[in-house]
Amino acid sequence: MVTVELTRHLYTFFPALKERAIEVEAGTVADVVRAVEGLAEGFTFYICDERGRLRPHVNIFIGDERVADRKQLSDRVPDGGRVFILQALSGG
């Protein structure tokens, strides 16, 4: 199992994920994203573009390391690992 954590901002758009532990079976970051999509429809398109690549202002970390493959999300996620998904916010 992999533990998934989100920034508080993402819960605004996906309230079904709020106030719950998100644990999924996954071997890669792509598997994590698909599993979270199964819990909250629309999540994948919110963080990825139509080609499945991470959107420019979205970052995913496996533990303390930022994912290297932003196009296919093929980075391996260890069993018992922690994945943190965040969206940078900007504005004035």
PDB file of N, CA and C in Angstrom:
ATOM      1  N   MET A   1       0.835  -1.185   0.000  1.00  0.00           N
ATOM      2  CA  MET A   1       0.000   0.000   0.000  1.00  0.00           C
ATOM      3  C   MET A   1       0.885   1.255   0.000  1.00  0.00           C
ATOM      4  N   VAL A   2       0.379   2.273  -0.653  1.00  0.00           N
ATOM      5  CA  VAL A   2       1.057   3.560  -0.743  1.00  0.00           C
ATOM      6  C   VAL A   2       0.135   4.609  -0.111  1.00  0.00           C
ATOM      7  N   THR A   3       0.693   5.456   0.720  1.00  0.00           N
ATOM      8  CA  THR A   3      -0.066   6.544   1.328  1.00  0.00           C
ATOM      9  C   THR A   3       0.036   7.772   0.434  1.00  0.00           C
ATOM     10  N   VAL A   4      -1.105   8.381   0.139  1.00  0.00           N
ATOM     11  CA  VAL A   4      -1.151   9.566  -0.716  1.00  0.00           C
ATOM     12  C   VAL A   4      -1.601  10.753   0.131  1.00  0.00           C
ATOM     13  N   GLU A   5      -0.840  11.836   0.028  1.00  0.00           N
ATOM     14  CA  GLU A   5      -1.198  13.067   0.728  1.00  0.00           C
ATOM     15  C   GLU A   5      -1.370  14.172  -0.311  1.00  0.00           C
ATOM     16  N   LEU A   6      -2.323  15.043  -0.064  1.00  0.00           N
ATOM     17  CA  LEU A   6      -2.614  16.148  -0.971  1.00  0.00           C
ATOM     18  C   LEU A   6      -2.501  17.462  -0.225  1.00  0.00           C
ATOM     19  N   THR A   7      -2.222  18.530  -0.961  1.00  0.00           N
ATOM     20  CA  THR A   7      -2.286  19.847  -0.335  1.00  0.00           C
ATOM     21  C   THR A   7      -3.752  20.167  -0.050  1.00  0.00           C
ATOM     22  N   ARG A   8      -3.965  20.993   0.942  1.00  0.00           N
ATOM     23  CA  ARG A   8      -5.323  21.338   1.365  1.00  0.00           C
ATOM     24  C   ARG A   8      -6.149  21.914   0.215  1.00  0.00           C
ATOM     25  N   HIS A   9      -5.505  22.660  -0.667  1.00  0.00           N
ATOM     26  CA  HIS A   9      -6.195  23.271  -1.805  1.00  0.00           C
ATOM     27  C   HIS A   9      -6.909  22.226  -2.667  1.00  0.00           C
ATOM     28  N   LEU A  10      -6.290  21.078  -2.878  1.00  0.00           N
ATOM     29  CA  LEU A  10      -6.897  20.056  -3.734  1.00  0.00           C
ATOM     30  C   LEU A  10      -8.179  19.488  -3.133  1.00  0.00           C
ATOM     31  N   TYR A  11      -8.288  19.491  -1.815  1.00  0.00           N
ATOM     32  CA  TYR A  11      -9.515  19.004  -1.190  1.00  0.00           C
ATOM     33  C   TYR A  11     -10.715  19.893  -1.523  1.00  0.00           C
ATOM     34  N   THR A  12     -10.466  21.144  -1.841  1.00  0.00           N
ATOM     35  CA  THR A  12     -11.545  22.045  -2.232  1.00  0.00           C
ATOM     36  C   THR A  12     -12.263  21.513  -3.473  1.00  0.00           C
ATOM     37  N   PHE A  13     -11.486  20.976  -4.400  1.00  0.00           N
ATOM     38  CA  PHE A  13     -12.052  20.468  -5.646  1.00  0.00           C
ATOM     39  C   PHE A  13     -12.472  19.004  -5.553  1.00  0.00           C
ATOM     40  N   PHE A  14     -11.932  18.298  -4.578  1.00  0.00           N
ATOM     41  CA  PHE A  14     -12.233  16.866  -4.431  1.00  0.00           C
ATOM     42  C   PHE A  14     -12.585  16.552  -2.975  1.00  0.00           C
ATOM     43  N   PRO A  15     -13.751  17.035  -2.540  1.00  0.00           N
ATOM     44  CA  PRO A  15     -14.141  16.860  -1.141  1.00  0.00           C
ATOM     45  C   PRO A  15     -14.313  15.398  -0.730  1.00  0.00           C
ATOM     46  N   ALA A  16     -14.493  14.500  -1.681  1.00  0.00           N
ATOM     47  CA  ALA A  16     -14.614  13.072  -1.347  1.00  0.00           C
ATOM     48  C   ALA A  16     -13.325  12.539  -0.731  1.00  0.00           C
ATOM     49  N   LEU A  17     -12.217  13.240  -0.958  1.00  0.00           N
ATOM     50  CA  LEU A  17     -10.926  12.800  -0.422  1.00  0.00           C
ATOM     51  C   LEU A  17     -10.603  13.432   0.928  1.00  0.00           C
ATOM     52  N   LYS A  18     -11.373  14.427   1.305  1.00  0.00           N
ATOM     53  CA  LYS A  18     -11.106  15.168   2.538  1.00  0.00           C
ATOM     54  C   LYS A  18     -11.401  14.312   3.764  1.00  0.00           C
ATOM     55  N   GLU A  19     -10.585  14.506   4.801  1.00  0.00           N
ATOM     56  CA  GLU A  19     -10.818  13.852   6.087  1.00  0.00           C
ATOM     57  C   GLU A  19     -10.752  12.326   6.010  1.00  0.00           C
ATOM     58  N   ARG A  20      -9.932  11.803   5.107  1.00  0.00           N
ATOM     59  CA  ARG A  20      -9.793  10.349   5.022  1.00  0.00           C
ATOM     60  C   ARG A  20      -8.354  10.004   4.694  1.00  0.00           C
ATOM     61  N   ALA A  21      -7.949   8.857   5.146  1.00  0.00           N
ATOM     62  CA  ALA A  21      -6.623   8.363   4.784  1.00  0.00           C
ATOM     63  C   ALA A  21      -6.722   7.821   3.363  1.00  0.00           C
ATOM     64  N   ILE A  22      -5.808   8.244   2.517  1.00  0.00           N
ATOM     65  CA  ILE A  22      -5.807   7.763   1.134  1.00  0.00           C
ATOM     66  C   ILE A  22      -4.668   6.761   1.012  1.00  0.00           C
ATOM     67  N   GLU A  23      -5.022   5.506   0.909  1.00  0.00           N
ATOM     68  CA  GLU A  23      -4.046   4.434   0.732  1.00  0.00           C
ATOM     69  C   GLU A  23      -4.466   3.622  -0.480  1.00  0.00           C
ATOM     70  N   VAL A  24      -3.520   3.429  -1.398  1.00  0.00           N
ATOM     71  CA  VAL A  24      -3.833   2.748  -2.654  1.00  0.00           C
ATOM     72  C   VAL A  24      -2.759   1.712  -2.964  1.00  0.00           C
ATOM     73  N   GLU A  25      -3.128   0.744  -3.772  1.00  0.00           N
ATOM     74  CA  GLU A  25      -2.173  -0.223  -4.303  1.00  0.00           C
ATOM     75  C   GLU A  25      -1.568   0.401  -5.546  1.00  0.00           C
ATOM     76  N   ALA A  26      -0.251   0.540  -5.596  1.00  0.00           N
ATOM     77  CA  ALA A  26       0.384   1.176  -6.752  1.00  0.00           C
ATOM     78  C   ALA A  26       1.854   0.799  -6.814  1.00  0.00           C
ATOM     79  N   GLY A  27       2.354   0.670  -8.040  1.00  0.00           N
ATOM     80  CA  GLY A  27       3.767   0.421  -8.255  1.00  0.00           C
ATOM     81  C   GLY A  27       4.479   1.597  -8.884  1.00  0.00           C
ATOM     82  N   THR A  28       3.682   2.480  -9.540  1.00  0.00           N
ATOM     83  CA  THR A  28       4.240   3.666 -10.181  1.00  0.00           C
ATOM     84  C   THR A  28       3.376   4.877  -9.838  1.00  0.00           C
ATOM     85  N   VAL A  29       3.891   6.045 -10.163  1.00  0.00           N
ATOM     86  CA  VAL A  29       3.111   7.263  -9.950  1.00  0.00           C
ATOM     87  C   VAL A  29       1.843   7.227 -10.803  1.00  0.00           C
ATOM     88  N   ALA A  30       1.931   6.713 -12.024  1.00  0.00           N
ATOM     89  CA  ALA A  30       0.737   6.599 -12.876  1.00  0.00           C
ATOM     90  C   ALA A  30      -0.330   5.739 -12.203  1.00  0.00           C
ATOM     91  N   ASP A  31       0.090   4.659 -11.536  1.00  0.00           N
ATOM     92  CA  ASP A  31      -0.860   3.814 -10.807  1.00  0.00           C
ATOM     93  C   ASP A  31      -1.522   4.592  -9.670  1.00  0.00           C
ATOM     94  N   VAL A  32      -0.734   5.419  -8.988  1.00  0.00           N
ATOM     95  CA  VAL A  32      -1.276   6.234  -7.900  1.00  0.00           C
ATOM     96  C   VAL A  32      -2.357   7.167  -8.435  1.00  0.00           C
ATOM     97  N   VAL A  33      -2.049   7.851  -9.528  1.00  0.00           N
ATOM     98  CA  VAL A  33      -3.008   8.809 -10.101  1.00  0.00           C
ATOM     99  C   VAL A  33      -4.287   8.089 -10.527  1.00  0.00           C
ATOM    100  N   ARG A  34      -4.158   6.931 -11.158  1.00  0.00           N
ATOM    101  CA  ARG A  34      -5.350   6.165 -11.565  1.00  0.00           C
ATOM    102  C   ARG A  34      -6.173   5.745 -10.347  1.00  0.00           C
ATOM    103  N   ALA A  35      -5.494   5.315  -9.300  1.00  0.00           N
ATOM    104  CA  ALA A  35      -6.204   4.870  -8.092  1.00  0.00           C
ATOM    105  C   ALA A  35      -6.947   6.028  -7.436  1.00  0.00           C
ATOM    106  N   VAL A  36      -6.324   7.199  -7.372  1.00  0.00           N
ATOM    107  CA  VAL A  36      -7.003   8.356  -6.785  1.00  0.00           C
ATOM    108  C   VAL A  36      -8.177   8.777  -7.671  1.00  0.00           C
ATOM    109  N   GLU A  37      -8.019   8.666  -8.975  1.00  0.00           N
ATOM    110  CA  GLU A  37      -9.132   8.947  -9.892  1.00  0.00           C
ATOM    111  C   GLU A  37     -10.333   8.055  -9.570  1.00  0.00           C
ATOM    112  N   GLY A  38     -10.075   6.812  -9.188  1.00  0.00           N
ATOM    113  CA  GLY A  38     -11.150   5.900  -8.815  1.00  0.00           C
ATOM    114  C   GLY A  38     -11.890   6.342  -7.564  1.00  0.00           C
ATOM    115  N   LEU A  39     -11.231   7.135  -6.737  1.00  0.00           N
ATOM    116  CA  LEU A  39     -11.853   7.643  -5.516  1.00  0.00           C
ATOM    117  C   LEU A  39     -12.521   8.998  -5.720  1.00  0.00           C
ATOM    118  N   ALA A  40     -12.005   9.756  -6.690  1.00  0.00           N
ATOM    119  CA  ALA A  40     -12.516  11.115  -6.931  1.00  0.00           C
ATOM    120  C   ALA A  40     -12.457  11.402  -8.429  1.00  0.00           C
ATOM    121  N   GLU A  41     -13.577  11.190  -9.097  1.00  0.00           N
ATOM    122  CA  GLU A  41     -13.632  11.377 -10.544  1.00  0.00           C
ATOM    123  C   GLU A  41     -13.225  12.798 -10.936  1.00  0.00           C
ATOM    124  N   GLY A  42     -12.384  12.894 -11.961  1.00  0.00           N
ATOM    125  CA  GLY A  42     -11.917  14.174 -12.451  1.00  0.00           C
ATOM    126  C   GLY A  42     -10.536  14.550 -11.926  1.00  0.00           C
ATOM    127  N   PHE A  43     -10.033  13.804 -10.949  1.00  0.00           N
ATOM    128  CA  PHE A  43      -8.742  14.114 -10.345  1.00  0.00           C
ATOM    129  C   PHE A  43      -7.612  14.070 -11.380  1.00  0.00           C
ATOM    130  N   THR A  44      -7.603  13.033 -12.201  1.00  0.00           N
ATOM    131  CA  THR A  44      -6.518  12.879 -13.189  1.00  0.00           C
ATOM    132  C   THR A  44      -6.466  14.072 -14.123  1.00  0.00           C
ATOM    133  N   PHE A  45      -7.592  14.485 -14.671  1.00  0.00           N
ATOM    134  CA  PHE A  45      -7.576  15.603 -15.615  1.00  0.00           C
ATOM    135  C   PHE A  45      -7.245  16.917 -14.914  1.00  0.00           C
ATOM    136  N   TYR A  46      -7.499  17.004 -13.633  1.00  0.00           N
ATOM    137  CA  TYR A  46      -7.156  18.226 -12.908  1.00  0.00           C
ATOM    138  C   TYR A  46      -5.638  18.383 -12.780  1.00  0.00           C
ATOM    139  N   ILE A  47      -4.919  17.272 -12.556  1.00  0.00           N
ATOM    140  CA  ILE A  47      -3.468  17.379 -12.369  1.00  0.00           C
ATOM    141  C   ILE A  47      -2.665  17.042 -13.622  1.00  0.00           C
ATOM    142  N   CYS A  48      -3.303  16.399 -14.606  1.00  0.00           N
ATOM    143  CA  CYS A  48      -2.614  16.007 -15.842  1.00  0.00           C
ATOM    144  C   CYS A  48      -3.323  16.601 -17.053  1.00  0.00           C
ATOM    145  N   ASP A  49      -2.565  16.817 -18.121  1.00  0.00           N
ATOM    146  CA  ASP A  49      -3.173  17.328 -19.350  1.00  0.00           C
ATOM    147  C   ASP A  49      -3.795  16.179 -20.147  1.00  0.00           C
ATOM    148  N   GLU A  50      -4.289  16.502 -21.335  1.00  0.00           N
ATOM    149  CA  GLU A  50      -4.980  15.484 -22.154  1.00  0.00           C
ATOM    150  C   GLU A  50      -4.054  14.370 -22.631  1.00  0.00           C
ATOM    151  N   ARG A  51      -2.749  14.561 -22.537  1.00  0.00           N
ATOM    152  CA  ARG A  51      -1.785  13.513 -22.916  1.00  0.00           C
ATOM    153  C   ARG A  51      -1.302  12.714 -21.713  1.00  0.00           C
ATOM    154  N   GLY A  52      -1.801  13.047 -20.537  1.00  0.00           N
ATOM    155  CA  GLY A  52      -1.416  12.322 -19.335  1.00  0.00           C
ATOM    156  C   GLY A  52      -0.166  12.849 -18.656  1.00  0.00           C
ATOM    157  N   ARG A  53       0.348  13.972 -19.112  1.00  0.00           N
ATOM    158  CA  ARG A  53       1.544  14.580 -18.509  1.00  0.00           C
ATOM    159  C   ARG A  53       1.121  15.501 -17.377  1.00  0.00           C
ATOM    160  N   LEU A  54       1.976  15.609 -16.363  1.00  0.00           N
ATOM    161  CA  LEU A  54       1.660  16.527 -15.270  1.00  0.00           C
ATOM    162  C   LEU A  54       1.527  17.944 -15.791  1.00  0.00           C
ATOM    163  N   ARG A  55       0.558  18.648 -15.287  1.00  0.00           N
ATOM    164  CA  ARG A  55       0.407  20.053 -15.646  1.00  0.00           C
ATOM    165  C   ARG A  55       1.583  20.839 -15.056  1.00  0.00           C
ATOM    166  N   PRO A  56       1.924  21.984 -15.679  1.00  0.00           N
ATOM    167  CA  PRO A  56       3.136  22.729 -15.273  1.00  0.00           C
ATOM    168  C   PRO A  56       3.212  23.093 -13.793  1.00  0.00           C
ATOM    169  N   HIS A  57       2.090  23.391 -13.156  1.00  0.00           N
ATOM    170  CA  HIS A  57       2.133  23.846 -11.766  1.00  0.00           C
ATOM    171  C   HIS A  57       1.778  22.752 -10.761  1.00  0.00           C
ATOM    172  N   VAL A  58       1.890  21.504 -11.193  1.00  0.00           N
ATOM    173  CA  VAL A  58       1.639  20.379 -10.302  1.00  0.00           C
ATOM    174  C   VAL A  58       2.959  19.656 -10.077  1.00  0.00           C
ATOM    175  N   ASN A  59       3.219  19.301  -8.837  1.00  0.00           N
ATOM    176  CA  ASN A  59       4.397  18.514  -8.498  1.00  0.00           C
ATOM    177  C   ASN A  59       3.978  17.307  -7.693  1.00  0.00           C
ATOM    178  N   ILE A  60       4.702  16.226  -7.884  1.00  0.00           N
ATOM    179  CA  ILE A  60       4.483  15.011  -7.122  1.00  0.00           C
ATOM    180  C   ILE A  60       5.820  14.594  -6.535  1.00  0.00           C
ATOM    181  N   PHE A  61       5.783  14.247  -5.264  1.00  0.00           N
ATOM    182  CA  PHE A  61       6.975  13.777  -4.571  1.00  0.00           C
ATOM    183  C   PHE A  61       6.746  12.353  -4.086  1.00  0.00           C
ATOM    184  N   ILE A  62       7.776  11.545  -4.205  1.00  0.00           N
ATOM    185  CA  ILE A  62       7.800  10.215  -3.608  1.00  0.00           C
ATOM    186  C   ILE A  62       8.753  10.348  -2.430  1.00  0.00           C
ATOM    187  N   GLY A  63       8.214  10.321  -1.246  1.00  0.00           N
ATOM    188  CA  GLY A  63       9.035  10.655  -0.090  1.00  0.00           C
ATOM    189  C   GLY A  63       9.478  12.105  -0.231  1.00  0.00           C
ATOM    190  N   ASP A  64      10.794  12.325  -0.222  1.00  0.00           N
ATOM    191  CA  ASP A  64      11.328  13.680  -0.348  1.00  0.00           C
ATOM    192  C   ASP A  64      11.839  13.988  -1.749  1.00  0.00           C
ATOM    193  N   GLU A  65      11.658  13.064  -2.681  1.00  0.00           N
ATOM    194  CA  GLU A  65      12.190  13.231  -4.033  1.00  0.00           C
ATOM    195  C   GLU A  65      11.090  13.576  -5.026  1.00  0.00           C
ATOM    196  N   ARG A  66      11.305  14.643  -5.797  1.00  0.00           N
ATOM    197  CA  ARG A  66      10.342  15.013  -6.837  1.00  0.00           C
ATOM    198  C   ARG A  66      10.414  14.007  -7.974  1.00  0.00           C
ATOM    199  N   VAL A  67       9.266  13.656  -8.548  1.00  0.00           N
ATOM    200  CA  VAL A  67       9.256  12.687  -9.640  1.00  0.00           C
ATOM    201  C   VAL A  67      10.067  13.218 -10.815  1.00  0.00           C
ATOM    202  N   ALA A  68      10.770  12.322 -11.474  1.00  0.00           N
ATOM    203  CA  ALA A  68      11.602  12.696 -12.612  1.00  0.00           C
ATOM    204  C   ALA A  68      10.816  12.639 -13.914  1.00  0.00           C
ATOM    205  N   ASP A  69       9.922  11.660 -14.037  1.00  0.00           N
ATOM    206  CA  ASP A  69       9.181  11.457 -15.276  1.00  0.00           C
ATOM    207  C   ASP A  69       7.827  12.161 -15.192  1.00  0.00           C
ATOM    208  N   ARG A  70       7.775  13.388 -15.696  1.00  0.00           N
ATOM    209  CA  ARG A  70       6.541  14.166 -15.673  1.00  0.00           C
ATOM    210  C   ARG A  70       5.636  13.841 -16.857  1.00  0.00           C
ATOM    211  N   LYS A  71       6.147  13.065 -17.820  1.00  0.00           N
ATOM    212  CA  LYS A  71       5.365  12.759 -19.023  1.00  0.00           C
ATOM    213  C   LYS A  71       4.577  11.465 -18.897  1.00  0.00           C
ATOM    214  N   GLN A  72       5.221  10.390 -18.466  1.00  0.00           N
ATOM    215  CA  GLN A  72       4.542   9.099 -18.379  1.00  0.00           C
ATOM    216  C   GLN A  72       4.291   8.651 -16.946  1.00  0.00           C
ATOM    217  N   LEU A  73       4.836   9.400 -15.985  1.00  0.00           N
ATOM    218  CA  LEU A  73       4.642   9.110 -14.560  1.00  0.00           C
ATOM    219  C   LEU A  73       5.092   7.688 -14.204  1.00  0.00           C
ATOM    220  N   SER A  74       6.232   7.300 -14.773  1.00  0.00           N
ATOM    221  CA  SER A  74       6.717   5.930 -14.601  1.00  0.00           C
ATOM    222  C   SER A  74       7.597   5.725 -13.370  1.00  0.00           C
ATOM    223  N   ASP A  75       7.834   6.774 -12.586  1.00  0.00           N
ATOM    224  CA  ASP A  75       8.655   6.616 -11.382  1.00  0.00           C
ATOM    225  C   ASP A  75       8.062   5.530 -10.487  1.00  0.00           C
ATOM    226  N   ARG A  76       8.929   4.677  -9.968  1.00  0.00           N
ATOM    227  CA  ARG A  76       8.491   3.592  -9.086  1.00  0.00           C
ATOM    228  C   ARG A  76       8.159   4.129  -7.706  1.00  0.00           C
ATOM    229  N   VAL A  77       7.130   3.562  -7.112  1.00  0.00           N
ATOM    230  CA  VAL A  77       6.713   3.918  -5.762  1.00  0.00           C
ATOM    231  C   VAL A  77       6.866   2.665  -4.901  1.00  0.00           C
ATOM    232  N   PRO A  78       7.688   2.732  -3.862  1.00  0.00           N
ATOM    233  CA  PRO A  78       7.892   1.535  -3.037  1.00  0.00           C
ATOM    234  C   PRO A  78       6.665   1.212  -2.189  1.00  0.00           C
ATOM    235  N   ASP A  79       6.468  -0.063  -1.938  1.00  0.00           N
ATOM    236  CA  ASP A  79       5.393  -0.476  -1.057  1.00  0.00           C
ATOM    237  C   ASP A  79       5.632   0.161   0.308  1.00  0.00           C
ATOM    238  N   GLY A  80       4.620   0.743   0.868  1.00  0.00           N
ATOM    239  CA  GLY A  80       4.756   1.443   2.138  1.00  0.00           C
ATOM    240  C   GLY A  80       5.231   2.870   1.981  1.00  0.00           C
ATOM    241  N   GLY A  81       5.407   3.306   0.726  1.00  0.00           N
ATOM    242  CA  GLY A  81       5.893   4.651   0.456  1.00  0.00           C
ATOM    243  C   GLY A  81       4.831   5.712   0.638  1.00  0.00           C
ATOM    244  N   ARG A  82       5.282   6.966   0.556  1.00  0.00           N
ATOM    245  CA  ARG A  82       4.396   8.119   0.700  1.00  0.00           C
ATOM    246  C   ARG A  82       4.509   8.975  -0.551  1.00  0.00           C
ATOM    247  N   VAL A  83       3.383   9.319  -1.141  1.00  0.00           N
ATOM    248  CA  VAL A  83       3.340  10.182  -2.322  1.00  0.00           C
ATOM    249  C   VAL A  83       2.599  11.457  -1.932  1.00  0.00           C
ATOM    250  N   PHE A  84       3.217  12.587  -2.242  1.00  0.00           N
ATOM    251  CA  PHE A  84       2.633  13.877  -1.913  1.00  0.00           C
ATOM    252  C   PHE A  84       2.352  14.615  -3.215  1.00  0.00           C
ATOM    253  N   ILE A  85       1.109  15.013  -3.446  1.00  0.00           N
ATOM    254  CA  ILE A  85       0.701  15.704  -4.670  1.00  0.00           C
ATOM    255  C   ILE A  85       0.315  17.131  -4.304  1.00  0.00           C
ATOM    256  N   LEU A  86       0.938  18.085  -5.000  1.00  0.00           N
ATOM    257  CA  LEU A  86       0.637  19.476  -4.698  1.00  0.00           C
ATOM    258  C   LEU A  86       0.514  20.295  -5.961  1.00  0.00           C
ATOM    259  N   GLN A  87      -0.254  21.330  -5.859  1.00  0.00           N
ATOM    260  CA  GLN A  87      -0.426  22.278  -6.951  1.00  0.00           C
ATOM    261  C   GLN A  87       0.049  23.622  -6.455  1.00  0.00           C
ATOM    262  N   ALA A  88       0.994  24.207  -7.155  1.00  0.00           N
ATOM    263  CA  ALA A  88       1.482  25.538  -6.778  1.00  0.00           C
ATOM    264  C   ALA A  88       0.398  26.567  -7.074  1.00  0.00           C
ATOM    265  N   LEU A  89       0.217  27.474  -6.168  1.00  0.00           N
ATOM    266  CA  LEU A  89      -0.757  28.550  -6.337  1.00  0.00           C
ATOM    267  C   LEU A  89       0.013  29.839  -6.557  1.00  0.00           C
ATOM    268  N   SER A  90      -0.499  30.659  -7.421  1.00  0.00           N
ATOM    269  CA  SER A  90       0.158  31.945  -7.669  1.00  0.00           C
ATOM    270  C   SER A  90      -0.910  33.016  -7.806  1.00  0.00           C
ATOM    271  N   GLY A  91      -0.479  34.207  -7.808  1.00  0.00           N
ATOM    272  CA  GLY A  91      -1.424  35.305  -7.955  1.00  0.00           C
ATOM    273  C   GLY A  91      -0.987  36.488  -7.123  1.00  0.00           C
ATOM    274  N   GLY A  92      -1.749  37.520  -7.199  1.00  0.00           N
ATOM    275  CA  GLY A  92      -1.366  38.738  -6.488  1.00  0.00           C
ATOM    276  C   GLY A  92      -2.293  39.102  -5.389  1.00  0.00           C
TER     277      GLY A  92
END
